[in-house]
Amino acid sequence: MANTISWGIIGCGNVTEIKSGPAFQQVPNSKLVAVMRRDASKAAEYALRHGVPKWYSDATQLINDPAVTAIYIATPPAFHEAYTISALQAGKPVYVEKPMSIDLASCLRMQQMAETTGIPLCIAHYRRALPKFLAIQQLLATQTIGTVCTVRIGMQQADQSATMANPEENWRVQPALSGGGIFYDLAPHQLDLLVFLLGHPEEIKGMADNRAKLYAAEDVVSGSVRMQNEVLFSGLWCFTSDNSCREDIFEIVGTAGKIFFPVFGNEVTVITSSGEQQLHFEPPKHIQQPMIEQVTQHFLGLAPNPCSAAEAIQSFRIMESFVYGYPK
C-alpha cells in the first residue's frame, strides 16, 4: 500500500462536520479525496466547504474510484453492513461508525467478510484513543485503586428525541435504521470502554422497556455482566428522566479506592486512602482525530488495529443482550 491513505467518506452528514471529517486532512499520511451523500447538492456543498476534490451521490461510484484507497462509513447503522461488505470486496480498508451495525448477526457477517478478504476493518470506538481514557487505563494497570471489584454505569436523561433532529428524520429512535433507540446511540461508547478497560464479558443478563411510548424503541435499559477476572458490572439507562435526575457516571471500585468519571465529560476523580485527586482533560477539536491517526497507521501496516470487529462485537453483544434479554 502507498505511504498515504486517500479517504472517501460515505455519509458526509452532521457527525463528519467537526467530530471526524476535518481530521482526515490533518492526520499524517492521510488525505480526504472524496465524499458521498445521497442528496447530491449537500454532497457538493460539503466538498466545497471542506476542500474535498470529489463528491458523489452514489456510494458504489465512490467505492470504485481508484483514487480512494480507504473508506469511512458514517451513515445510519442500517447501511453499515452493505457498504462495509462492498468496500471490503473492492479491496479497500474500512473505518465504520459505531454502533457497528443494527444487530449482532450483521456485525458477525461484517467480521466474516473482513476475515475472508483479509482487508482491515476498524470500528469507530474513538474514545479508546483519547488521553482521558488512556490515563484511566494506566491507573488501572498500575493498580492505583487495587484490584477492581465492581463497575457501574448510570445514565439518566430527559427525552431529547424531538431536539436531536426533525422527528420524521430522527433515525436514532427508529430501530429499523439504528437498531434501537438512544441507548443504541450512546451506550456503545460506554460499553466499549467497559471492554477496553476491563476485558471481555463472560455472563450477561438484562432487560429493557419502552416506558414513555414516545417512539418505537426502548427508553429504559438495565443489565449486569460478569466480566473476566470476576469483575461484576451493573448498568442502568433511562432516557425519559426529569432534568433534575440527569446523570452520566462510570464508576470503577477496587480494593484500594475508586475511579469515577462522566463518559461524556472531561473530568476524572480518583479516591484512595491518600486522598482525592481531580484530573481534567480537554478533548481535541476533532474528537476522532487521535483514533483516525491510529487507524491510518494500521491501514499503512505500521500499527495494530485500534478497534477490530471482534473487539467491537464484545460490547455489541452486551448491548443487544440487555435490550433483548438473550441469555449469554
C-alpha atoms as a PDB file:
ATOM      1  CA  MET A   1       0.000   0.000   0.000  1.00  0.00           C
ATOM      2  CA  ALA A   2       1.118   3.566  -0.696  1.00  0.00           C
ATOM      3  CA  ASN A   3       2.503   5.692   2.121  1.00  0.00           C
ATOM      4  CA  THR A   4      -0.625   7.900   2.182  1.00  0.00           C
ATOM      5  CA  ILE A   5      -4.202   6.831   2.797  1.00  0.00           C
ATOM      6  CA  SER A   6      -6.658   8.547   0.447  1.00  0.00           C
ATOM      7  CA  TRP A   7     -10.028   8.519   2.176  1.00  0.00           C
ATOM      8  CA  GLY A   8     -13.559   8.536   0.849  1.00  0.00           C
ATOM      9  CA  ILE A   9     -16.479   9.245   3.196  1.00  0.00           C
ATOM     10  CA  ILE A  10     -19.832   7.549   2.689  1.00  0.00           C
ATOM     11  CA  GLY A  11     -22.425   9.620   4.525  1.00  0.00           C
ATOM     12  CA  CYS A  12     -21.000  13.124   4.974  1.00  0.00           C
ATOM     13  CA  GLY A  13     -23.660  14.249   7.440  1.00  0.00           C
ATOM     14  CA  ASN A  14     -23.523  16.139  10.722  1.00  0.00           C
ATOM     15  CA  VAL A  15     -21.214  13.714  12.543  1.00  0.00           C
ATOM     16  CA  THR A  16     -18.491  14.387   9.960  1.00  0.00           C
ATOM     17  CA  GLU A  17     -18.627  18.189  10.115  1.00  0.00           C
ATOM     18  CA  ILE A  18     -16.358  18.608  13.155  1.00  0.00           C
ATOM     19  CA  LYS A  19     -16.000  15.312  15.001  1.00  0.00           C
ATOM     20  CA  SER A  20     -14.303  13.360  12.216  1.00  0.00           C
ATOM     21  CA  GLY A  21     -14.271  14.772   8.683  1.00  0.00           C
ATOM     22  CA  PRO A  22     -11.622  17.511   9.038  1.00  0.00           C
ATOM     23  CA  ALA A  23      -9.305  15.129  10.905  1.00  0.00           C
ATOM     24  CA  PHE A  24      -8.685  13.101   7.750  1.00  0.00           C
ATOM     25  CA  GLN A  25      -6.961  16.190   6.297  1.00  0.00           C
ATOM     26  CA  GLN A  26      -4.839  16.796   9.412  1.00  0.00           C
ATOM     27  CA  VAL A  27      -3.581  13.337  10.319  1.00  0.00           C
ATOM     28  CA  PRO A  28      -0.107  12.483   8.933  1.00  0.00           C
ATOM     29  CA  ASN A  29      -0.100  10.257   5.833  1.00  0.00           C
ATOM     30  CA  SER A  30      -3.817  10.891   5.296  1.00  0.00           C
ATOM     31  CA  LYS A  31      -5.945  12.939   2.930  1.00  0.00           C
ATOM     32  CA  LEU A  32      -9.657  13.179   2.177  1.00  0.00           C
ATOM     33  CA  VAL A  33     -10.245  12.907  -1.564  1.00  0.00           C
ATOM     34  CA  ALA A  34     -13.965  12.140  -1.961  1.00  0.00           C
ATOM     35  CA  VAL A  35     -17.281  12.327  -0.119  1.00  0.00           C
ATOM     36  CA  MET A  36     -20.704  10.837  -0.789  1.00  0.00           C
ATOM     37  CA  ARG A  37     -24.231  11.723   0.257  1.00  0.00           C
ATOM     38  CA  ARG A  38     -27.475  10.656  -1.429  1.00  0.00           C
ATOM     39  CA  ASP A  39     -28.501  14.307  -1.674  1.00  0.00           C
ATOM     40  CA  ALA A  40     -26.171  15.477  -4.459  1.00  0.00           C
ATOM     41  CA  SER A  41     -26.476  19.175  -3.601  1.00  0.00           C
ATOM     42  CA  LYS A  42     -25.486  18.528   0.029  1.00  0.00           C
ATOM     43  CA  ALA A  43     -22.574  16.341  -1.061  1.00  0.00           C
ATOM     44  CA  ALA A  44     -21.324  19.049  -3.416  1.00  0.00           C
ATOM     45  CA  GLU A  45     -21.728  21.741  -0.764  1.00  0.00           C
ATOM     46  CA  TYR A  46     -19.826  19.660   1.812  1.00  0.00           C
ATOM     47  CA  ALA A  47     -16.981  19.044  -0.644  1.00  0.00           C
ATOM     48  CA  LEU A  48     -16.735  22.761  -1.439  1.00  0.00           C
ATOM     49  CA  ARG A  49     -16.681  23.834   2.222  1.00  0.00           C
ATOM     50  CA  HIS A  50     -14.106  21.242   3.253  1.00  0.00           C
ATOM     51  CA  GLY A  51     -11.869  21.464   0.208  1.00  0.00           C
ATOM     52  CA  VAL A  52     -12.534  17.903  -0.960  1.00  0.00           C
ATOM     53  CA  PRO A  53     -11.767  17.331  -4.670  1.00  0.00           C
ATOM     54  CA  LYS A  54     -14.578  14.879  -5.485  1.00  0.00           C
ATOM     55  CA  TRP A  55     -18.156  14.236  -4.420  1.00  0.00           C
ATOM     56  CA  TYR A  56     -20.715  11.579  -5.275  1.00  0.00           C
ATOM     57  CA  SER A  57     -24.395  10.815  -4.673  1.00  0.00           C
ATOM     58  CA  ASP A  58     -23.821   7.113  -5.290  1.00  0.00           C
ATOM     59  CA  ALA A  59     -21.757   5.044  -2.825  1.00  0.00           C
ATOM     60  CA  THR A  60     -20.767   2.441  -5.408  1.00  0.00           C
ATOM     61  CA  GLN A  61     -19.093   5.111  -7.526  1.00  0.00           C
ATOM     62  CA  LEU A  62     -17.075   6.346  -4.540  1.00  0.00           C
ATOM     63  CA  ILE A  63     -16.053   2.804  -3.557  1.00  0.00           C
ATOM     64  CA  ASN A  64     -14.899   2.078  -7.099  1.00  0.00           C
ATOM     65  CA  ASP A  65     -12.997   5.351  -7.524  1.00  0.00           C
ATOM     66  CA  PRO A  66      -9.337   4.305  -7.952  1.00  0.00           C
ATOM     67  CA  ALA A  67      -8.207   7.488  -6.198  1.00  0.00           C
ATOM     68  CA  VAL A  68      -9.929   6.302  -2.994  1.00  0.00           C
ATOM     69  CA  THR A  69      -7.849   3.774  -1.055  1.00  0.00           C
ATOM     70  CA  ALA A  70      -9.868   3.563   2.202  1.00  0.00           C
ATOM     71  CA  ILE A  71     -13.489   4.129   3.194  1.00  0.00           C
ATOM     72  CA  TYR A  72     -15.031   5.826   6.230  1.00  0.00           C
ATOM     73  CA  ILE A  73     -18.713   4.911   6.663  1.00  0.00           C
ATOM     74  CA  ALA A  74     -20.753   7.451   8.638  1.00  0.00           C
ATOM     75  CA  THR A  75     -24.307   6.585   7.602  1.00  0.00           C
ATOM     76  CA  PRO A  76     -27.090   5.408   9.919  1.00  0.00           C
ATOM     77  CA  PRO A  77     -26.238   1.882  11.133  1.00  0.00           C
ATOM     78  CA  ALA A  78     -28.772   0.114   8.878  1.00  0.00           C
ATOM     79  CA  PHE A  79     -26.459   0.801   5.919  1.00  0.00           C
ATOM     80  CA  HIS A  80     -23.153  -0.131   7.572  1.00  0.00           C
ATOM     81  CA  GLU A  81     -23.139  -3.791   6.592  1.00  0.00           C
ATOM     82  CA  ALA A  82     -23.854  -3.363   2.881  1.00  0.00           C
ATOM     83  CA  TYR A  83     -21.338  -0.557   2.407  1.00  0.00           C
ATOM     84  CA  THR A  84     -18.681  -2.306   4.507  1.00  0.00           C
ATOM     85  CA  ILE A  85     -19.000  -5.548   2.558  1.00  0.00           C
ATOM     86  CA  SER A  86     -18.914  -3.723  -0.783  1.00  0.00           C
ATOM     87  CA  ALA A  87     -15.786  -1.816   0.206  1.00  0.00           C
ATOM     88  CA  LEU A  88     -14.012  -4.908   1.563  1.00  0.00           C
ATOM     89  CA  GLN A  89     -14.841  -6.838  -1.599  1.00  0.00           C
ATOM     90  CA  ALA A  90     -13.340  -3.953  -3.571  1.00  0.00           C
ATOM     91  CA  GLY A  91     -10.135  -4.414  -1.559  1.00  0.00           C
ATOM     92  CA  LYS A  92     -10.468  -1.186   0.420  1.00  0.00           C
ATOM     93  CA  PRO A  93      -9.968  -0.967   4.205  1.00  0.00           C
ATOM     94  CA  VAL A  94     -12.966   0.300   6.160  1.00  0.00           C
ATOM     95  CA  TYR A  95     -13.394   2.528   9.210  1.00  0.00           C
ATOM     96  CA  VAL A  96     -17.064   2.298  10.190  1.00  0.00           C
ATOM     97  CA  GLU A  97     -19.024   4.314  12.723  1.00  0.00           C
ATOM     98  CA  LYS A  98     -20.497   2.933  15.922  1.00  0.00           C
ATOM     99  CA  PRO A  99     -22.690   1.118  16.557  1.00  0.00           C
ATOM    100  CA  MET A 100     -21.086  -1.359  14.180  1.00  0.00           C
ATOM    101  CA  SER A 101     -24.480  -2.299  12.685  1.00  0.00           C
ATOM    102  CA  ILE A 102     -28.116  -2.818  13.709  1.00  0.00           C
ATOM    103  CA  ASP A 103     -27.822  -6.325  15.169  1.00  0.00           C
ATOM    104  CA  LEU A 104     -25.258  -8.912  16.190  1.00  0.00           C
ATOM    105  CA  ALA A 105     -25.835 -11.150  13.160  1.00  0.00           C
ATOM    106  CA  SER A 106     -24.997  -8.256  10.851  1.00  0.00           C
ATOM    107  CA  CYS A 107     -21.824  -7.481  12.826  1.00  0.00           C
ATOM    108  CA  LEU A 108     -20.722 -11.092  12.538  1.00  0.00           C
ATOM    109  CA  ARG A 109     -21.207 -11.041   8.761  1.00  0.00           C
ATOM    110  CA  MET A 110     -19.063  -7.913   8.535  1.00  0.00           C
ATOM    111  CA  GLN A 111     -16.368  -9.570  10.629  1.00  0.00           C
ATOM    112  CA  GLN A 112     -16.501 -12.687   8.454  1.00  0.00           C
ATOM    113  CA  MET A 113     -16.076 -10.666   5.259  1.00  0.00           C
ATOM    114  CA  ALA A 114     -13.034  -8.879   6.707  1.00  0.00           C
ATOM    115  CA  GLU A 115     -11.512 -12.238   7.621  1.00  0.00           C
ATOM    116  CA  THR A 116     -12.366 -13.759   4.230  1.00  0.00           C
ATOM    117  CA  THR A 117     -10.909 -10.874   2.223  1.00  0.00           C
ATOM    118  CA  GLY A 118      -8.013 -10.161   4.582  1.00  0.00           C
ATOM    119  CA  ILE A 119      -8.821  -6.439   4.307  1.00  0.00           C
ATOM    120  CA  PRO A 120      -8.634  -4.342   7.522  1.00  0.00           C
ATOM    121  CA  LEU A 121     -11.859  -3.340   9.260  1.00  0.00           C
ATOM    122  CA  CYS A 122     -11.822  -0.869  12.179  1.00  0.00           C
ATOM    123  CA  ILE A 123     -14.770   0.306  14.274  1.00  0.00           C
ATOM    124  CA  ALA A 124     -15.001   3.960  15.369  1.00  0.00           C
ATOM    125  CA  HIS A 125     -14.925   3.490  19.133  1.00  0.00           C
ATOM    126  CA  TYR A 126     -12.726   6.562  19.198  1.00  0.00           C
ATOM    127  CA  ARG A 127     -12.736   7.112  22.958  1.00  0.00           C
ATOM    128  CA  ARG A 128     -10.140   4.334  23.154  1.00  0.00           C
ATOM    129  CA  ALA A 129      -7.606   6.787  21.723  1.00  0.00           C
ATOM    130  CA  LEU A 130      -8.416   9.842  23.852  1.00  0.00           C
ATOM    131  CA  PRO A 131      -5.909  10.870  26.561  1.00  0.00           C
ATOM    132  CA  LYS A 132      -8.605  10.774  29.256  1.00  0.00           C
ATOM    133  CA  PHE A 133      -9.371   7.092  28.798  1.00  0.00           C
ATOM    134  CA  LEU A 134      -5.750   6.116  28.203  1.00  0.00           C
ATOM    135  CA  ALA A 135      -4.972   7.743  31.566  1.00  0.00           C
ATOM    136  CA  ILE A 136      -7.716   5.703  33.234  1.00  0.00           C
ATOM    137  CA  GLN A 137      -6.341   2.569  31.590  1.00  0.00           C
ATOM    138  CA  GLN A 138      -2.924   3.384  33.050  1.00  0.00           C
ATOM    139  CA  LEU A 139      -4.388   3.981  36.526  1.00  0.00           C
ATOM    140  CA  LEU A 140      -5.942   0.532  36.398  1.00  0.00           C
ATOM    141  CA  ALA A 141      -2.781  -1.095  35.029  1.00  0.00           C
ATOM    142  CA  THR A 142      -0.730   0.310  37.905  1.00  0.00           C
ATOM    143  CA  GLN A 143      -3.401  -0.781  40.398  1.00  0.00           C
ATOM    144  CA  THR A 144      -3.859   2.716  41.762  1.00  0.00           C
ATOM    145  CA  ILE A 145      -7.186   1.557  43.208  1.00  0.00           C
ATOM    146  CA  GLY A 146      -6.039  -2.004  43.862  1.00  0.00           C
ATOM    147  CA  THR A 147      -7.846  -4.958  42.305  1.00  0.00           C
ATOM    148  CA  VAL A 148     -11.063  -3.985  40.548  1.00  0.00           C
ATOM    149  CA  CYS A 149     -14.184  -5.471  42.168  1.00  0.00           C
ATOM    150  CA  THR A 150     -17.208  -3.733  40.667  1.00  0.00           C
ATOM    151  CA  VAL A 151     -18.114  -1.340  37.868  1.00  0.00           C
ATOM    152  CA  ARG A 152     -21.243   0.754  37.461  1.00  0.00           C
ATOM    153  CA  ILE A 153     -22.634   2.885  34.652  1.00  0.00           C
ATOM    154  CA  GLY A 154     -25.551   5.222  35.313  1.00  0.00           C
ATOM    155  CA  MET A 155     -27.180   7.374  32.648  1.00  0.00           C
ATOM    156  CA  GLN A 156     -30.301   9.449  33.206  1.00  0.00           C
ATOM    157  CA  GLN A 157     -31.515  11.929  30.593  1.00  0.00           C
ATOM    158  CA  ALA A 158     -34.693  13.810  29.804  1.00  0.00           C
ATOM    159  CA  ASP A 159     -36.237  12.908  26.464  1.00  0.00           C
ATOM    160  CA  GLN A 160     -34.298  14.610  23.672  1.00  0.00           C
ATOM    161  CA  SER A 161     -35.722  12.776  20.686  1.00  0.00           C
ATOM    162  CA  ALA A 162     -37.551  15.809  19.316  1.00  0.00           C
ATOM    163  CA  THR A 163     -34.484  18.056  19.511  1.00  0.00           C
ATOM    164  CA  MET A 164     -31.919  15.627  18.046  1.00  0.00           C
ATOM    165  CA  ALA A 165     -33.457  16.013  14.578  1.00  0.00           C
ATOM    166  CA  ASN A 166     -36.826  16.525  12.955  1.00  0.00           C
ATOM    167  CA  PRO A 167     -38.949  13.702  14.418  1.00  0.00           C
ATOM    168  CA  GLU A 168     -39.659  12.205  10.987  1.00  0.00           C
ATOM    169  CA  GLU A 169     -35.921  12.240  10.200  1.00  0.00           C
ATOM    170  CA  ASN A 170     -34.615  11.164  13.603  1.00  0.00           C
ATOM    171  CA  TRP A 171     -33.149   7.804  12.661  1.00  0.00           C
ATOM    172  CA  ARG A 172     -31.673   7.392  16.165  1.00  0.00           C
ATOM    173  CA  VAL A 173     -35.074   6.368  17.546  1.00  0.00           C
ATOM    174  CA  GLN A 174     -36.102   4.255  14.547  1.00  0.00           C
ATOM    175  CA  PRO A 175     -34.983   0.648  15.218  1.00  0.00           C
ATOM    176  CA  ALA A 176     -35.027  -0.221  11.517  1.00  0.00           C
ATOM    177  CA  LEU A 177     -32.331   2.397  10.916  1.00  0.00           C
ATOM    178  CA  SER A 178     -30.433   2.466  14.218  1.00  0.00           C
ATOM    179  CA  GLY A 179     -31.017  -0.968  15.742  1.00  0.00           C
ATOM    180  CA  GLY A 180     -32.722   0.556  18.773  1.00  0.00           C
ATOM    181  CA  GLY A 181     -33.268   3.878  20.480  1.00  0.00           C
ATOM    182  CA  ILE A 182     -30.963   6.445  22.044  1.00  0.00           C
ATOM    183  CA  PHE A 183     -29.432   3.605  24.055  1.00  0.00           C
ATOM    184  CA  TYR A 184     -28.022   2.248  20.780  1.00  0.00           C
ATOM    185  CA  ASP A 185     -26.553   5.680  20.050  1.00  0.00           C
ATOM    186  CA  LEU A 186     -24.888   6.391  23.420  1.00  0.00           C
ATOM    187  CA  ALA A 187     -24.294   3.046  25.138  1.00  0.00           C
ATOM    188  CA  PRO A 188     -21.776   1.812  22.531  1.00  0.00           C
ATOM    189  CA  HIS A 189     -19.356   4.469  23.808  1.00  0.00           C
ATOM    190  CA  GLN A 190     -19.845   3.377  27.411  1.00  0.00           C
ATOM    191  CA  LEU A 191     -19.907  -0.385  26.899  1.00  0.00           C
ATOM    192  CA  ASP A 192     -16.886  -0.347  24.608  1.00  0.00           C
ATOM    193  CA  LEU A 193     -14.972   1.427  27.378  1.00  0.00           C
ATOM    194  CA  LEU A 194     -16.077  -1.347  29.741  1.00  0.00           C
ATOM    195  CA  VAL A 195     -14.487  -3.904  27.412  1.00  0.00           C
ATOM    196  CA  PHE A 196     -11.456  -1.711  26.650  1.00  0.00           C
ATOM    197  CA  LEU A 197     -10.684  -1.103  30.313  1.00  0.00           C
ATOM    198  CA  LEU A 198     -11.766  -4.361  31.929  1.00  0.00           C
ATOM    199  CA  GLY A 199     -11.793  -7.155  29.370  1.00  0.00           C
ATOM    200  CA  HIS A 200     -14.406  -9.396  27.832  1.00  0.00           C
ATOM    201  CA  PRO A 201     -17.831 -10.330  29.218  1.00  0.00           C
ATOM    202  CA  GLU A 202     -18.417 -13.880  30.432  1.00  0.00           C
ATOM    203  CA  GLU A 203     -22.077 -13.764  31.535  1.00  0.00           C
ATOM    204  CA  ILE A 204     -24.713 -11.209  30.538  1.00  0.00           C
ATOM    205  CA  LYS A 205     -28.239 -10.547  31.807  1.00  0.00           C
ATOM    206  CA  GLY A 206     -30.526  -7.623  31.083  1.00  0.00           C
ATOM    207  CA  MET A 207     -33.918  -6.216  30.291  1.00  0.00           C
ATOM    208  CA  ALA A 208     -35.407  -3.167  28.596  1.00  0.00           C
ATOM    209  CA  ASP A 209     -38.739  -1.417  28.259  1.00  0.00           C
ATOM    210  CA  ASN A 210     -40.431   1.368  26.349  1.00  0.00           C
ATOM    211  CA  ARG A 211     -41.988   3.250  29.249  1.00  0.00           C
ATOM    212  CA  ALA A 212     -42.865   6.654  27.779  1.00  0.00           C
ATOM    213  CA  LYS A 213     -44.046   5.314  24.368  1.00  0.00           C
ATOM    214  CA  LEU A 214     -42.627   8.385  22.608  1.00  0.00           C
ATOM    215  CA  TYR A 215     -41.164   6.279  19.798  1.00  0.00           C
ATOM    216  CA  ALA A 216     -40.886   2.619  18.850  1.00  0.00           C
ATOM    217  CA  ALA A 217     -37.623   1.843  20.660  1.00  0.00           C
ATOM    218  CA  GLU A 218     -36.625   1.108  24.243  1.00  0.00           C
ATOM    219  CA  ASP A 219     -36.123   4.094  26.573  1.00  0.00           C
ATOM    220  CA  VAL A 220     -35.165   2.277  29.817  1.00  0.00           C
ATOM    221  CA  VAL A 221     -32.458  -0.397  29.949  1.00  0.00           C
ATOM    222  CA  SER A 222     -30.783  -2.250  32.790  1.00  0.00           C
ATOM    223  CA  GLY A 223     -28.251  -5.041  32.845  1.00  0.00           C
ATOM    224  CA  SER A 224     -25.486  -6.852  34.638  1.00  0.00           C
ATOM    225  CA  VAL A 225     -22.345  -8.597  33.433  1.00  0.00           C
ATOM    226  CA  ARG A 226     -19.782 -10.879  34.954  1.00  0.00           C
ATOM    227  CA  MET A 227     -16.555  -9.737  33.331  1.00  0.00           C
ATOM    228  CA  GLN A 228     -13.341 -11.685  33.132  1.00  0.00           C
ATOM    229  CA  ASN A 229     -11.344 -11.710  36.389  1.00  0.00           C
ATOM    230  CA  GLU A 230     -14.684 -11.926  38.259  1.00  0.00           C
ATOM    231  CA  VAL A 231     -15.401  -8.195  37.957  1.00  0.00           C
ATOM    232  CA  LEU A 232     -19.129  -7.529  38.360  1.00  0.00           C
ATOM    233  CA  PHE A 233     -20.786  -4.797  36.294  1.00  0.00           C
ATOM    234  CA  SER A 234     -24.211  -3.193  36.568  1.00  0.00           C
ATOM    235  CA  GLY A 235     -25.752  -0.531  34.352  1.00  0.00           C
ATOM    236  CA  LEU A 236     -28.949   1.495  34.231  1.00  0.00           C
ATOM    237  CA  TRP A 237     -30.041   3.836  31.443  1.00  0.00           C
ATOM    238  CA  CYS A 238     -33.185   5.953  31.351  1.00  0.00           C
ATOM    239  CA  PHE A 239     -33.893   8.431  28.563  1.00  0.00           C
ATOM    240  CA  THR A 240     -37.142   9.856  29.929  1.00  0.00           C
ATOM    241  CA  SER A 241     -35.967  11.117  33.322  1.00  0.00           C
ATOM    242  CA  ASP A 242     -36.579  14.594  34.657  1.00  0.00           C
ATOM    243  CA  ASN A 243     -33.721  17.033  34.091  1.00  0.00           C
ATOM    244  CA  SER A 244     -33.186  17.160  37.850  1.00  0.00           C
ATOM    245  CA  CYS A 245     -32.178  13.478  37.731  1.00  0.00           C
ATOM    246  CA  ARG A 246     -29.590  13.905  34.981  1.00  0.00           C
ATOM    247  CA  GLU A 247     -26.625  11.551  35.422  1.00  0.00           C
ATOM    248  CA  ASP A 248     -23.594  10.381  33.458  1.00  0.00           C
ATOM    249  CA  ILE A 249     -21.383   8.222  35.663  1.00  0.00           C
ATOM    250  CA  PHE A 250     -18.875   5.455  35.091  1.00  0.00           C
ATOM    251  CA  GLU A 251     -17.605   4.193  38.445  1.00  0.00           C
ATOM    252  CA  ILE A 252     -14.838   1.633  38.983  1.00  0.00           C
ATOM    253  CA  VAL A 253     -14.404   0.383  42.556  1.00  0.00           C
ATOM    254  CA  GLY A 254     -11.318  -1.502  43.675  1.00  0.00           C
ATOM    255  CA  THR A 255      -9.853  -2.916  46.862  1.00  0.00           C
ATOM    256  CA  ALA A 256      -7.897   0.307  47.480  1.00  0.00           C
ATOM    257  CA  GLY A 257     -10.146   3.062  46.156  1.00  0.00           C
ATOM    258  CA  LYS A 258     -12.274   4.076  43.208  1.00  0.00           C
ATOM    259  CA  ILE A 259     -12.219   5.993  39.929  1.00  0.00           C
ATOM    260  CA  PHE A 260     -15.310   7.710  38.579  1.00  0.00           C
ATOM    261  CA  PHE A 261     -15.980   9.979  35.634  1.00  0.00           C
ATOM    262  CA  PRO A 262     -18.621  11.073  33.125  1.00  0.00           C
ATOM    263  CA  VAL A 263     -18.137   9.313  29.796  1.00  0.00           C
ATOM    264  CA  PHE A 264     -19.368  12.437  28.003  1.00  0.00           C
ATOM    265  CA  GLY A 265     -17.396  14.916  30.088  1.00  0.00           C
ATOM    266  CA  ASN A 266     -13.813  15.951  30.792  1.00  0.00           C
ATOM    267  CA  GLU A 267     -13.211  15.124  34.463  1.00  0.00           C
ATOM    268  CA  VAL A 268     -11.819  12.076  36.259  1.00  0.00           C
ATOM    269  CA  THR A 269     -11.873  11.656  40.048  1.00  0.00           C
ATOM    270  CA  VAL A 270      -9.576   9.217  41.837  1.00  0.00           C
ATOM    271  CA  ILE A 271     -10.178   8.431  45.528  1.00  0.00           C
ATOM    272  CA  THR A 272      -7.741   6.355  47.582  1.00  0.00           C
ATOM    273  CA  SER A 273      -6.533   6.301  51.179  1.00  0.00           C
ATOM    274  CA  SER A 274      -4.121   9.082  50.152  1.00  0.00           C
ATOM    275  CA  GLY A 275      -6.997  11.420  49.349  1.00  0.00           C
ATOM    276  CA  GLU A 276      -8.949  12.640  46.341  1.00  0.00           C
ATOM    277  CA  GLN A 277      -7.408  13.686  43.033  1.00  0.00           C
ATOM    278  CA  GLN A 278      -9.203  15.563  40.261  1.00  0.00           C
ATOM    279  CA  LEU A 279      -7.936  15.207  36.702  1.00  0.00           C
ATOM    280  CA  HIS A 280      -9.094  17.349  33.784  1.00  0.00           C
ATOM    281  CA  PHE A 281      -8.743  16.529  30.091  1.00  0.00           C
ATOM    282  CA  GLU A 282      -9.579  18.854  27.215  1.00  0.00           C
ATOM    283  CA  PRO A 283     -10.831  16.883  24.201  1.00  0.00           C
ATOM    284  CA  PRO A 284      -9.331  17.621  20.787  1.00  0.00           C
ATOM    285  CA  LYS A 285     -11.303  19.916  18.484  1.00  0.00           C
ATOM    286  CA  HIS A 286     -11.895  16.996  16.125  1.00  0.00           C
ATOM    287  CA  ILE A 287     -12.599  14.342  18.721  1.00  0.00           C
ATOM    288  CA  GLN A 288     -11.952  11.395  16.420  1.00  0.00           C
ATOM    289  CA  GLN A 289      -8.539  12.654  15.294  1.00  0.00           C
ATOM    290  CA  PRO A 290      -6.426  10.511  17.674  1.00  0.00           C
ATOM    291  CA  MET A 291      -8.333   7.397  16.608  1.00  0.00           C
ATOM    292  CA  ILE A 292      -8.154   8.276  12.919  1.00  0.00           C
ATOM    293  CA  GLU A 293      -4.387   8.643  13.293  1.00  0.00           C
ATOM    294  CA  GLN A 294      -4.176   5.128  14.752  1.00  0.00           C
ATOM    295  CA  VAL A 295      -6.478   3.721  12.061  1.00  0.00           C
ATOM    296  CA  THR A 296      -4.389   5.351   9.328  1.00  0.00           C
ATOM    297  CA  GLN A 297      -1.228   3.830  10.758  1.00  0.00           C
ATOM    298  CA  HIS A 298      -2.957   0.445  10.882  1.00  0.00           C
ATOM    299  CA  PHE A 299      -4.076   0.711   7.265  1.00  0.00           C
ATOM    300  CA  LEU A 300      -0.468   1.540   6.327  1.00  0.00           C
ATOM    301  CA  GLY A 301       0.651  -1.651   8.076  1.00  0.00           C
ATOM    302  CA  LEU A 302       2.539   0.256  10.764  1.00  0.00           C
ATOM    303  CA  ALA A 303       0.366  -0.346  13.862  1.00  0.00           C
ATOM    304  CA  PRO A 304      -2.156  -2.820  15.281  1.00  0.00           C
ATOM    305  CA  ASN A 305      -5.891  -2.434  14.795  1.00  0.00           C
ATOM    306  CA  PRO A 306      -7.104   0.041  17.464  1.00  0.00           C
ATOM    307  CA  CYS A 307     -10.586  -1.492  17.495  1.00  0.00           C
ATOM    308  CA  SER A 308     -11.205  -4.644  15.487  1.00  0.00           C
ATOM    309  CA  ALA A 309     -14.583  -6.104  14.590  1.00  0.00           C
ATOM    310  CA  ALA A 310     -14.025  -8.845  17.156  1.00  0.00           C
ATOM    311  CA  GLU A 311     -13.463  -6.259  19.903  1.00  0.00           C
ATOM    312  CA  ALA A 312     -16.468  -4.146  18.900  1.00  0.00           C
ATOM    313  CA  ILE A 313     -18.656  -7.248  18.823  1.00  0.00           C
ATOM    314  CA  GLN A 314     -17.960  -7.809  22.532  1.00  0.00           C
ATOM    315  CA  SER A 315     -19.695  -4.582  23.540  1.00  0.00           C
ATOM    316  CA  PHE A 316     -22.381  -5.007  20.878  1.00  0.00           C
ATOM    317  CA  ARG A 317     -23.203  -8.424  22.344  1.00  0.00           C
ATOM    318  CA  ILE A 318     -23.685  -6.816  25.769  1.00  0.00           C
ATOM    319  CA  MET A 319     -25.884  -4.079  24.330  1.00  0.00           C
ATOM    320  CA  GLU A 320     -28.092  -6.456  22.366  1.00  0.00           C
ATOM    321  CA  SER A 321     -28.382  -8.861  25.291  1.00  0.00           C
ATOM    322  CA  PHE A 322     -29.503  -6.046  27.585  1.00  0.00           C
ATOM    323  CA  VAL A 323     -32.244  -4.952  25.184  1.00  0.00           C
ATOM    324  CA  TYR A 324     -33.487  -8.363  24.076  1.00  0.00           C
ATOM    325  CA  GLY A 325     -32.670 -10.395  27.174  1.00  0.00           C
ATOM    326  CA  TYR A 326     -30.611 -13.038  25.411  1.00  0.00           C
ATOM    327  CA  PRO A 327     -29.085 -15.486  27.883  1.00  0.00           C
ATOM    328  CA  LYS A 328     -25.324 -15.410  27.348  1.00  0.00           C
END
